[in-house]
Amino acid sequence: MLSESEETILDNLHFVATFTDLMDECHLSRELLAQTLNSLLTKRLIDILEWSEFEEDYVRIEREADLIPFYQEIVNRLLVSDKLASQYYFLATKKGLQAIHHSS
């Protein structure tokens, strides 16, 4: 079951969006947005991406260790850095898209 804020965010992540984009589009406080993004990351309903000049595309951030703590660290840093808020991108995963369409 998704919360109202999770549904709102997932509705806005059919395409890549920055933290700043999501704050503007979802009308959520910075703190609630970060908390909800962390929840969606834990449930593996969204991914964090970054722009790759080499690939000329958005690429999923991957690390060898468990990604959830790493992702949560990024989201927590977004709370205090406006520069980072537009450096990382979010996108719903297949599982996230299925969750939003099955909850409607």
PDB file of N, CA and C in Angstrom:
ATOM      1  N   MET A   1       0.840  -1.180   0.000  1.00  0.00           N
ATOM      2  CA  MET A   1       0.000   0.000   0.000  1.00  0.00           C
ATOM      3  C   MET A   1       0.886   1.245   0.000  1.00  0.00           C
ATOM      4  N   LEU A   2       0.580   2.170  -0.882  1.00  0.00           N
ATOM      5  CA  LEU A   2       1.356   3.394  -0.996  1.00  0.00           C
ATOM      6  C   LEU A   2       0.695   4.531  -0.218  1.00  0.00           C
ATOM      7  N   SER A   3       1.532   5.374   0.363  1.00  0.00           N
ATOM      8  CA  SER A   3       1.005   6.577   1.014  1.00  0.00           C
ATOM      9  C   SER A   3       0.646   7.597  -0.071  1.00  0.00           C
ATOM     10  N   GLU A   4      -0.073   8.618   0.330  1.00  0.00           N
ATOM     11  CA  GLU A   4      -0.463   9.663  -0.624  1.00  0.00           C
ATOM     12  C   GLU A   4       0.770  10.354  -1.212  1.00  0.00           C
ATOM     13  N   SER A   5       1.766  10.635  -0.385  1.00  0.00           N
ATOM     14  CA  SER A   5       2.977  11.290  -0.890  1.00  0.00           C
ATOM     15  C   SER A   5       3.768  10.360  -1.809  1.00  0.00           C
ATOM     16  N   GLU A   6       3.792   9.056  -1.517  1.00  0.00           N
ATOM     17  CA  GLU A   6       4.465   8.104  -2.412  1.00  0.00           C
ATOM     18  C   GLU A   6       3.773   8.072  -3.778  1.00  0.00           C
ATOM     19  N   GLU A   7       2.447   8.046  -3.776  1.00  0.00           N
ATOM     20  CA  GLU A   7       1.702   8.053  -5.042  1.00  0.00           C
ATOM     21  C   GLU A   7       1.975   9.321  -5.836  1.00  0.00           C
ATOM     22  N   THR A   8       1.981  10.456  -5.141  1.00  0.00           N
ATOM     23  CA  THR A   8       2.226  11.739  -5.799  1.00  0.00           C
ATOM     24  C   THR A   8       3.598  11.750  -6.464  1.00  0.00           C
ATOM     25  N   ILE A   9       4.605  11.287  -5.738  1.00  0.00           N
ATOM     26  CA  ILE A   9       5.964  11.271  -6.291  1.00  0.00           C
ATOM     27  C   ILE A   9       6.057  10.300  -7.459  1.00  0.00           C
ATOM     28  N   LEU A  10       5.548   9.086  -7.299  1.00  0.00           N
ATOM     29  CA  LEU A  10       5.609   8.106  -8.388  1.00  0.00           C
ATOM     30  C   LEU A  10       4.892   8.603  -9.635  1.00  0.00           C
ATOM     31  N   ASP A  11       3.789   9.317  -9.449  1.00  0.00           N
ATOM     32  CA  ASP A  11       3.079   9.899 -10.591  1.00  0.00           C
ATOM     33  C   ASP A  11       3.955  10.865 -11.371  1.00  0.00           C
ATOM     34  N   ASN A  12       4.911  11.467 -10.696  1.00  0.00           N
ATOM     35  CA  ASN A  12       5.801  12.433 -11.335  1.00  0.00           C
ATOM     36  C   ASN A  12       7.123  11.828 -11.794  1.00  0.00           C
ATOM     37  N   LEU A  13       7.274  10.518 -11.647  1.00  0.00           N
ATOM     38  CA  LEU A  13       8.551   9.890 -12.023  1.00  0.00           C
ATOM     39  C   LEU A  13       8.417   8.904 -13.187  1.00  0.00           C
ATOM     40  N   HIS A  14       7.476   9.168 -14.082  1.00  0.00           N
ATOM     41  CA  HIS A  14       7.448   8.391 -15.323  1.00  0.00           C
ATOM     42  C   HIS A  14       8.643   8.788 -16.193  1.00  0.00           C
ATOM     43  N   PHE A  15       9.134  10.003 -15.967  1.00  0.00           N
ATOM     44  CA  PHE A  15      10.320  10.525 -16.639  1.00  0.00           C
ATOM     45  C   PHE A  15      11.261  11.040 -15.553  1.00  0.00           C
ATOM     46  N   VAL A  16      12.527  11.210 -15.885  1.00  0.00           N
ATOM     47  CA  VAL A  16      13.500  11.642 -14.886  1.00  0.00           C
ATOM     48  C   VAL A  16      13.136  13.012 -14.342  1.00  0.00           C
ATOM     49  N   ALA A  17      13.400  13.198 -13.056  1.00  0.00           N
ATOM     50  CA  ALA A  17      13.152  14.475 -12.387  1.00  0.00           C
ATOM     51  C   ALA A  17      14.170  14.657 -11.276  1.00  0.00           C
ATOM     52  N   THR A  18      14.563  15.893 -11.057  1.00  0.00           N
ATOM     53  CA  THR A  18      15.482  16.206  -9.963  1.00  0.00           C
ATOM     54  C   THR A  18      14.694  16.383  -8.666  1.00  0.00           C
ATOM     55  N   PHE A  19      15.417  16.459  -7.580  1.00  0.00           N
ATOM     56  CA  PHE A  19      14.823  16.734  -6.277  1.00  0.00           C
ATOM     57  C   PHE A  19      14.053  18.061  -6.335  1.00  0.00           C
ATOM     58  N   THR A  20      14.677  19.066  -6.950  1.00  0.00           N
ATOM     59  CA  THR A  20      14.042  20.377  -7.085  1.00  0.00           C
ATOM     60  C   THR A  20      12.766  20.287  -7.914  1.00  0.00           C
ATOM     61  N   ASP A  21      12.823  19.553  -9.022  1.00  0.00           N
ATOM     62  CA  ASP A  21      11.629  19.355  -9.852  1.00  0.00           C
ATOM     63  C   ASP A  21      10.501  18.744  -9.025  1.00  0.00           C
ATOM     64  N   LEU A  22      10.840  17.732  -8.248  1.00  0.00           N
ATOM     65  CA  LEU A  22       9.825  17.042  -7.447  1.00  0.00           C
ATOM     66  C   LEU A  22       9.238  17.950  -6.372  1.00  0.00           C
ATOM     67  N   MET A  23      10.070  18.793  -5.761  1.00  0.00           N
ATOM     68  CA  MET A  23       9.542  19.727  -4.769  1.00  0.00           C
ATOM     69  C   MET A  23       8.521  20.656  -5.418  1.00  0.00           C
ATOM     70  N   ASP A  24       8.847  21.144  -6.607  1.00  0.00           N
ATOM     71  CA  ASP A  24       7.948  22.058  -7.321  1.00  0.00           C
ATOM     72  C   ASP A  24       6.679  21.365  -7.786  1.00  0.00           C
ATOM     73  N   GLU A  25       6.820  20.179  -8.356  1.00  0.00           N
ATOM     74  CA  GLU A  25       5.677  19.467  -8.939  1.00  0.00           C
ATOM     75  C   GLU A  25       4.765  18.829  -7.893  1.00  0.00           C
ATOM     76  N   CYS A  26       5.345  18.321  -6.828  1.00  0.00           N
ATOM     77  CA  CYS A  26       4.567  17.571  -5.834  1.00  0.00           C
ATOM     78  C   CYS A  26       4.084  18.441  -4.679  1.00  0.00           C
ATOM     79  N   HIS A  27       4.623  19.649  -4.570  1.00  0.00           N
ATOM     80  CA  HIS A  27       4.237  20.572  -3.499  1.00  0.00           C
ATOM     81  C   HIS A  27       4.416  19.941  -2.120  1.00  0.00           C
ATOM     82  N   LEU A  28       5.567  19.284  -1.947  1.00  0.00           N
ATOM     83  CA  LEU A  28       5.909  18.674  -0.660  1.00  0.00           C
ATOM     84  C   LEU A  28       7.064  19.448  -0.048  1.00  0.00           C
ATOM     85  N   SER A  29       7.120  19.461   1.267  1.00  0.00           N
ATOM     86  CA  SER A  29       8.260  20.102   1.930  1.00  0.00           C
ATOM     87  C   SER A  29       9.521  19.308   1.602  1.00  0.00           C
ATOM     88  N   ARG A  30      10.639  19.971   1.729  1.00  0.00           N
ATOM     89  CA  ARG A  30      11.941  19.327   1.475  1.00  0.00           C
ATOM     90  C   ARG A  30      12.098  18.080   2.349  1.00  0.00           C
ATOM     91  N   GLU A  31      11.704  18.192   3.614  1.00  0.00           N
ATOM     92  CA  GLU A  31      11.853  17.089   4.561  1.00  0.00           C
ATOM     93  C   GLU A  31      10.935  15.914   4.209  1.00  0.00           C
ATOM     94  N   LEU A  32       9.662  16.206   3.893  1.00  0.00           N
ATOM     95  CA  LEU A  32       8.731  15.138   3.538  1.00  0.00           C
ATOM     96  C   LEU A  32       9.130  14.485   2.235  1.00  0.00           C
ATOM     97  N   LEU A  33       9.610  15.271   1.280  1.00  0.00           N
ATOM     98  CA  LEU A  33      10.071  14.709   0.015  1.00  0.00           C
ATOM     99  C   LEU A  33      11.235  13.750   0.253  1.00  0.00           C
ATOM    100  N   ALA A  34      12.210  14.162   1.050  1.00  0.00           N
ATOM    101  CA  ALA A  34      13.367  13.299   1.331  1.00  0.00           C
ATOM    102  C   ALA A  34      12.933  12.027   2.051  1.00  0.00           C
ATOM    103  N   GLN A  35      12.067  12.170   3.025  1.00  0.00           N
ATOM    104  CA  GLN A  35      11.573  11.005   3.769  1.00  0.00           C
ATOM    105  C   GLN A  35      10.848  10.036   2.828  1.00  0.00           C
ATOM    106  N   THR A  36      10.030  10.566   1.942  1.00  0.00           N
ATOM    107  CA  THR A  36       9.261   9.718   1.025  1.00  0.00           C
ATOM    108  C   THR A  36      10.164   9.089  -0.024  1.00  0.00           C
ATOM    109  N   LEU A  37      11.136   9.826  -0.522  1.00  0.00           N
ATOM    110  CA  LEU A  37      12.088   9.245  -1.469  1.00  0.00           C
ATOM    111  C   LEU A  37      12.842   8.088  -0.827  1.00  0.00           C
ATOM    112  N   ASN A  38      13.258   8.263   0.425  1.00  0.00           N
ATOM    113  CA  ASN A  38      13.944   7.175   1.126  1.00  0.00           C
ATOM    114  C   ASN A  38      13.044   5.954   1.254  1.00  0.00           C
ATOM    115  N   SER A  39      11.770   6.168   1.525  1.00  0.00           N
ATOM    116  CA  SER A  39      10.820   5.058   1.614  1.00  0.00           C
ATOM    117  C   SER A  39      10.693   4.345   0.265  1.00  0.00           C
ATOM    118  N   LEU A  40      10.573   5.127  -0.806  1.00  0.00           N
ATOM    119  CA  LEU A  40      10.446   4.539  -2.149  1.00  0.00           C
ATOM    120  C   LEU A  40      11.724   3.804  -2.559  1.00  0.00           C
ATOM    121  N   LEU A  41      12.877   4.339  -2.159  1.00  0.00           N
ATOM    122  CA  LEU A  41      14.145   3.665  -2.454  1.00  0.00           C
ATOM    123  C   LEU A  41      14.233   2.334  -1.721  1.00  0.00           C
ATOM    124  N   THR A  42      13.828   2.325  -0.458  1.00  0.00           N
ATOM    125  CA  THR A  42      13.860   1.105   0.344  1.00  0.00           C
ATOM    126  C   THR A  42      12.961   0.030  -0.274  1.00  0.00           C
ATOM    127  N   LYS A  43      11.841   0.455  -0.808  1.00  0.00           N
ATOM    128  CA  LYS A  43      10.907  -0.478  -1.454  1.00  0.00           C
ATOM    129  C   LYS A  43      11.313  -0.808  -2.893  1.00  0.00           C
ATOM    130  N   ARG A  44      12.415  -0.180  -3.352  1.00  0.00           N
ATOM    131  CA  ARG A  44      12.935  -0.361  -4.707  1.00  0.00           C
ATOM    132  C   ARG A  44      11.916   0.036  -5.784  1.00  0.00           C
ATOM    133  N   LEU A  45      11.184   1.110  -5.489  1.00  0.00           N
ATOM    134  CA  LEU A  45      10.190   1.614  -6.425  1.00  0.00           C
ATOM    135  C   LEU A  45      10.737   2.750  -7.284  1.00  0.00           C
ATOM    136  N   ILE A  46      11.904   3.282  -6.901  1.00  0.00           N
ATOM    137  CA  ILE A  46      12.570   4.316  -7.699  1.00  0.00           C
ATOM    138  C   ILE A  46      14.066   4.042  -7.727  1.00  0.00           C
ATOM    139  N   ASP A  47      14.723   4.660  -8.705  1.00  0.00           N
ATOM    140  CA  ASP A  47      16.180   4.618  -8.815  1.00  0.00           C
ATOM    141  C   ASP A  47      16.711   6.040  -8.770  1.00  0.00           C
ATOM    142  N   ILE A  48      17.984   6.171  -8.405  1.00  0.00           N
ATOM    143  CA  ILE A  48      18.685   7.443  -8.512  1.00  0.00           C
ATOM    144  C   ILE A  48      19.621   7.339  -9.715  1.00  0.00           C
ATOM    145  N   LEU A  49      19.595   8.389 -10.536  1.00  0.00           N
ATOM    146  CA  LEU A  49      20.398   8.430 -11.752  1.00  0.00           C
ATOM    147  C   LEU A  49      21.304   9.654 -11.731  1.00  0.00           C
ATOM    148  N   GLU A  50      22.308   9.620 -12.577  1.00  0.00           N
ATOM    149  CA  GLU A  50      23.130  10.806 -12.812  1.00  0.00           C
ATOM    150  C   GLU A  50      23.396  10.893 -14.304  1.00  0.00           C
ATOM    151  N   TRP A  51      23.702  12.101 -14.784  1.00  0.00           N
ATOM    152  CA  TRP A  51      23.968  12.299 -16.196  1.00  0.00           C
ATOM    153  C   TRP A  51      25.381  11.825 -16.514  1.00  0.00           C
ATOM    154  N   SER A  52      25.505  11.045 -17.579  1.00  0.00           N
ATOM    155  CA  SER A  52      26.811  10.575 -18.017  1.00  0.00           C
ATOM    156  C   SER A  52      27.162  11.259 -19.336  1.00  0.00           C
ATOM    157  N   GLU A  53      28.228  12.041 -19.307  1.00  0.00           N
ATOM    158  CA  GLU A  53      28.702  12.673 -20.549  1.00  0.00           C
ATOM    159  C   GLU A  53      29.138  11.610 -21.551  1.00  0.00           C
ATOM    160  N   PHE A  54      29.765  10.547 -21.055  1.00  0.00           N
ATOM    161  CA  PHE A  54      30.241   9.472 -21.918  1.00  0.00           C
ATOM    162  C   PHE A  54      29.076   8.778 -22.622  1.00  0.00           C
ATOM    163  N   GLU A  55      28.048   8.432 -21.854  1.00  0.00           N
ATOM    164  CA  GLU A  55      26.886   7.737 -22.413  1.00  0.00           C
ATOM    165  C   GLU A  55      25.918   8.695 -23.104  1.00  0.00           C
ATOM    166  N   GLU A  56      26.046   9.985 -22.773  1.00  0.00           N
ATOM    167  CA  GLU A  56      25.094  11.006 -23.221  1.00  0.00           C
ATOM    168  C   GLU A  56      23.671  10.601 -22.872  1.00  0.00           C
ATOM    169  N   ASP A  57      23.530  10.137 -21.632  1.00  0.00           N
ATOM    170  CA  ASP A  57      22.233   9.677 -21.145  1.00  0.00           C
ATOM    171  C   ASP A  57      22.295   9.611 -19.613  1.00  0.00           C
ATOM    172  N   TYR A  58      21.132   9.424 -19.022  1.00  0.00           N
ATOM    173  CA  TYR A  58      21.068   9.203 -17.582  1.00  0.00           C
ATOM    174  C   TYR A  58      21.445   7.756 -17.304  1.00  0.00           C
ATOM    175  N   VAL A  59      22.242   7.550 -16.279  1.00  0.00           N
ATOM    176  CA  VAL A  59      22.636   6.191 -15.892  1.00  0.00           C
ATOM    177  C   VAL A  59      22.330   5.977 -14.422  1.00  0.00           C
ATOM    178  N   ARG A  60      21.936   4.771 -14.115  1.00  0.00           N
ATOM    179  CA  ARG A  60      21.632   4.398 -12.733  1.00  0.00           C
ATOM    180  C   ARG A  60      22.929   4.383 -11.939  1.00  0.00           C
ATOM    181  N   ILE A  61      22.878   4.963 -10.762  1.00  0.00           N
ATOM    182  CA  ILE A  61      24.048   4.947  -9.883  1.00  0.00           C
ATOM    183  C   ILE A  61      24.143   3.565  -9.269  1.00  0.00           C
ATOM    184  N   GLU A  62      25.257   2.927  -9.496  1.00  0.00           N
ATOM    185  CA  GLU A  62      25.440   1.581  -8.955  1.00  0.00           C
ATOM    186  C   GLU A  62      26.745   1.511  -8.190  1.00  0.00           C
ATOM    187  N   ARG A  63      26.712   0.827  -7.095  1.00  0.00           N
ATOM    188  CA  ARG A  63      27.891   0.575  -6.276  1.00  0.00           C
ATOM    189  C   ARG A  63      27.902  -0.910  -5.935  1.00  0.00           C
ATOM    190  N   GLU A  64      29.066  -1.421  -5.595  1.00  0.00           N
ATOM    191  CA  GLU A  64      29.167  -2.848  -5.283  1.00  0.00           C
ATOM    192  C   GLU A  64      28.436  -3.221  -4.002  1.00  0.00           C
ATOM    193  N   ALA A  65      28.446  -2.321  -3.038  1.00  0.00           N
ATOM    194  CA  ALA A  65      27.784  -2.599  -1.759  1.00  0.00           C
ATOM    195  C   ALA A  65      26.276  -2.438  -1.913  1.00  0.00           C
ATOM    196  N   ASP A  66      25.561  -2.715  -0.838  1.00  0.00           N
ATOM    197  CA  ASP A  66      24.114  -2.543  -0.839  1.00  0.00           C
ATOM    198  C   ASP A  66      23.786  -1.098  -1.195  1.00  0.00           C
ATOM    199  N   LEU A  67      22.912  -0.909  -2.168  1.00  0.00           N
ATOM    200  CA  LEU A  67      22.613   0.420  -2.664  1.00  0.00           C
ATOM    201  C   LEU A  67      21.727   1.252  -1.748  1.00  0.00           C
ATOM    202  N   ILE A  68      20.881   0.624  -0.968  1.00  0.00           N
ATOM    203  CA  ILE A  68      19.904   1.384  -0.186  1.00  0.00           C
ATOM    204  C   ILE A  68      20.577   2.391   0.755  1.00  0.00           C
ATOM    205  N   PRO A  69      21.542   2.000   1.595  1.00  0.00           N
ATOM    206  CA  PRO A  69      22.186   3.012   2.454  1.00  0.00           C
ATOM    207  C   PRO A  69      22.880   4.109   1.641  1.00  0.00           C
ATOM    208  N   PHE A  70      23.477   3.742   0.515  1.00  0.00           N
ATOM    209  CA  PHE A  70      24.147   4.719  -0.339  1.00  0.00           C
ATOM    210  C   PHE A  70      23.133   5.702  -0.908  1.00  0.00           C
ATOM    211  N   TYR A  71      22.017   5.190  -1.409  1.00  0.00           N
ATOM    212  CA  TYR A  71      20.948   6.047  -1.937  1.00  0.00           C
ATOM    213  C   TYR A  71      20.411   6.965  -0.839  1.00  0.00           C
ATOM    214  N   GLN A  72      20.189   6.408   0.335  1.00  0.00           N
ATOM    215  CA  GLN A  72      19.648   7.213   1.422  1.00  0.00           C
ATOM    216  C   GLN A  72      20.616   8.314   1.827  1.00  0.00           C
ATOM    217  N   GLU A  73      21.903   8.039   1.751  1.00  0.00           N
ATOM    218  CA  GLU A  73      22.910   9.059   2.044  1.00  0.00           C
ATOM    219  C   GLU A  73      22.810  10.202   1.037  1.00  0.00           C
ATOM    220  N   ILE A  74      22.614   9.876  -0.231  1.00  0.00           N
ATOM    221  CA  ILE A  74      22.452  10.911  -1.254  1.00  0.00           C
ATOM    222  C   ILE A  74      21.223  11.760  -0.946  1.00  0.00           C
ATOM    223  N   VAL A  75      20.101  11.116  -0.665  1.00  0.00           N
ATOM    224  CA  VAL A  75      18.864  11.857  -0.381  1.00  0.00           C
ATOM    225  C   VAL A  75      19.051  12.749   0.841  1.00  0.00           C
ATOM    226  N   ASN A  76      19.704  12.262   1.871  1.00  0.00           N
ATOM    227  CA  ASN A  76      19.938  13.070   3.062  1.00  0.00           C
ATOM    228  C   ASN A  76      20.824  14.276   2.749  1.00  0.00           C
ATOM    229  N   ARG A  77      21.777  14.113   1.847  1.00  0.00           N
ATOM    230  CA  ARG A  77      22.618  15.249   1.442  1.00  0.00           C
ATOM    231  C   ARG A  77      21.821  16.263   0.624  1.00  0.00           C
ATOM    232  N   LEU A  78      20.794  15.802  -0.097  1.00  0.00           N
ATOM    233  CA  LEU A  78      19.961  16.716  -0.876  1.00  0.00           C
ATOM    234  C   LEU A  78      19.204  17.687   0.023  1.00  0.00           C
ATOM    235  N   LEU A  79      18.968  17.273   1.254  1.00  0.00           N
ATOM    236  CA  LEU A  79      18.271  18.141   2.205  1.00  0.00           C
ATOM    237  C   LEU A  79      19.039  19.422   2.497  1.00  0.00           C
ATOM    238  N   VAL A  80      20.348  19.366   2.416  1.00  0.00           N
ATOM    239  CA  VAL A  80      21.163  20.513   2.807  1.00  0.00           C
ATOM    240  C   VAL A  80      21.930  21.163   1.659  1.00  0.00           C
ATOM    241  N   SER A  81      21.798  20.650   0.454  1.00  0.00           N
ATOM    242  CA  SER A  81      22.580  21.189  -0.657  1.00  0.00           C
ATOM    243  C   SER A  81      21.706  21.459  -1.874  1.00  0.00           C
ATOM    244  N   ASP A  82      21.514  22.740  -2.182  1.00  0.00           N
ATOM    245  CA  ASP A  82      20.758  23.089  -3.378  1.00  0.00           C
ATOM    246  C   ASP A  82      21.502  22.669  -4.652  1.00  0.00           C
ATOM    247  N   LYS A  83      22.829  22.680  -4.602  1.00  0.00           N
ATOM    248  CA  LYS A  83      23.610  22.271  -5.780  1.00  0.00           C
ATOM    249  C   LYS A  83      23.354  20.798  -6.090  1.00  0.00           C
ATOM    250  N   LEU A  84      23.373  19.949  -5.076  1.00  0.00           N
ATOM    251  CA  LEU A  84      23.119  18.522  -5.288  1.00  0.00           C
ATOM    252  C   LEU A  84      21.672  18.258  -5.708  1.00  0.00           C
ATOM    253  N   ALA A  85      20.769  19.146  -5.315  1.00  0.00           N
ATOM    254  CA  ALA A  85      19.345  18.946  -5.600  1.00  0.00           C
ATOM    255  C   ALA A  85      19.056  18.902  -7.097  1.00  0.00           C
ATOM    256  N   SER A  86      19.954  19.443  -7.905  1.00  0.00           N
ATOM    257  CA  SER A  86      19.748  19.373  -9.351  1.00  0.00           C
ATOM    258  C   SER A  86      20.793  18.489 -10.044  1.00  0.00           C
ATOM    259  N   GLN A  87      21.653  17.848  -9.268  1.00  0.00           N
ATOM    260  CA  GLN A  87      22.700  16.989  -9.833  1.00  0.00           C
ATOM    261  C   GLN A  87      22.239  15.540  -9.997  1.00  0.00           C
ATOM    262  N   TYR A  88      21.376  15.091  -9.104  1.00  0.00           N
ATOM    263  CA  TYR A  88      20.881  13.718  -9.152  1.00  0.00           C
ATOM    264  C   TYR A  88      19.451  13.700  -9.663  1.00  0.00           C
ATOM    265  N   TYR A  89      19.104  12.598 -10.312  1.00  0.00           N
ATOM    266  CA  TYR A  89      17.790  12.454 -10.918  1.00  0.00           C
ATOM    267  C   TYR A  89      17.114  11.206 -10.365  1.00  0.00           C
ATOM    268  N   PHE A  90      15.810  11.219 -10.376  1.00  0.00           N
ATOM    269  CA  PHE A  90      15.020  10.095  -9.887  1.00  0.00           C
ATOM    270  C   PHE A  90      14.129   9.605 -11.016  1.00  0.00           C
ATOM    271  N   LEU A  91      13.838   8.305 -10.993  1.00  0.00           N
ATOM    272  CA  LEU A  91      12.984   7.685 -12.000  1.00  0.00           C
ATOM    273  C   LEU A  91      12.314   6.474 -11.377  1.00  0.00           C
ATOM    274  N   ALA A  92      11.029   6.315 -11.661  1.00  0.00           N
ATOM    275  CA  ALA A  92      10.316   5.141 -11.165  1.00  0.00           C
ATOM    276  C   ALA A  92      10.880   3.884 -11.823  1.00  0.00           C
ATOM    277  N   THR A  93      10.996   2.820 -11.056  1.00  0.00           N
ATOM    278  CA  THR A  93      11.383   1.525 -11.609  1.00  0.00           C
ATOM    279  C   THR A  93      10.137   0.851 -12.198  1.00  0.00           C
ATOM    280  N   LYS A  94      10.340  -0.244 -12.874  1.00  0.00           N
ATOM    281  CA  LYS A  94       9.204  -1.015 -13.391  1.00  0.00           C
ATOM    282  C   LYS A  94       8.267  -1.390 -12.231  1.00  0.00           C
ATOM    283  N   LYS A  95       8.868  -1.823 -11.136  1.00  0.00           N
ATOM    284  CA  LYS A  95       8.081  -2.184  -9.946  1.00  0.00           C
ATOM    285  C   LYS A  95       7.302  -0.965  -9.423  1.00  0.00           C
ATOM    286  N   GLY A  96       7.915   0.206  -9.465  1.00  0.00           N
ATOM    287  CA  GLY A  96       7.257   1.427  -9.025  1.00  0.00           C
ATOM    288  C   GLY A  96       6.089   1.804  -9.909  1.00  0.00           C
ATOM    289  N   LEU A  97       6.276   1.669 -11.222  1.00  0.00           N
ATOM    290  CA  LEU A  97       5.187   1.968 -12.159  1.00  0.00           C
ATOM    291  C   LEU A  97       4.033   0.986 -11.979  1.00  0.00           C
ATOM    292  N   GLN A  98       4.364  -0.267 -11.758  1.00  0.00           N
ATOM    293  CA  GLN A  98       3.310  -1.254 -11.521  1.00  0.00           C
ATOM    294  C   GLN A  98       2.563  -0.940 -10.230  1.00  0.00           C
ATOM    295  N   ALA A  99       3.283  -0.511  -9.205  1.00  0.00           N
ATOM    296  CA  ALA A  99       2.642  -0.197  -7.922  1.00  0.00           C
ATOM    297  C   ALA A  99       1.668   0.964  -8.064  1.00  0.00           C
ATOM    298  N   ILE A 100       2.043   1.993  -8.801  1.00  0.00           N
ATOM    299  CA  ILE A 100       1.182   3.153  -8.936  1.00  0.00           C
ATOM    300  C   ILE A 100      -0.038   2.827  -9.791  1.00  0.00           C
ATOM    301  N   HIS A 101       0.134   2.019 -10.807  1.00  0.00           N
ATOM    302  CA  HIS A 101      -0.995   1.706 -11.690  1.00  0.00           C
ATOM    303  C   HIS A 101      -1.929   0.680 -11.086  1.00  0.00           C
ATOM    304  N   HIS A 102      -1.437  -0.149 -10.177  1.00  0.00           N
ATOM    305  CA  HIS A 102      -2.308  -1.108  -9.502  1.00  0.00           C
ATOM    306  C   HIS A 102      -3.015  -0.523  -8.308  1.00  0.00           C
ATOM    307  N   SER A 103      -2.503   0.624  -7.791  1.00  0.00           N
ATOM    308  CA  SER A 103      -3.144   1.238  -6.639  1.00  0.00           C
ATOM    309  C   SER A 103      -4.279   2.181  -7.055  1.00  0.00           C
ATOM    310  N   SER A 104      -4.323   2.516  -8.347  1.00  0.00           N
ATOM    311  CA  SER A 104      -5.359   3.451  -8.837  1.00  0.00           C
ATOM    312  C   SER A 104      -6.693   2.779  -8.978  1.00  0.00           C
TER     313      SER A 104
END
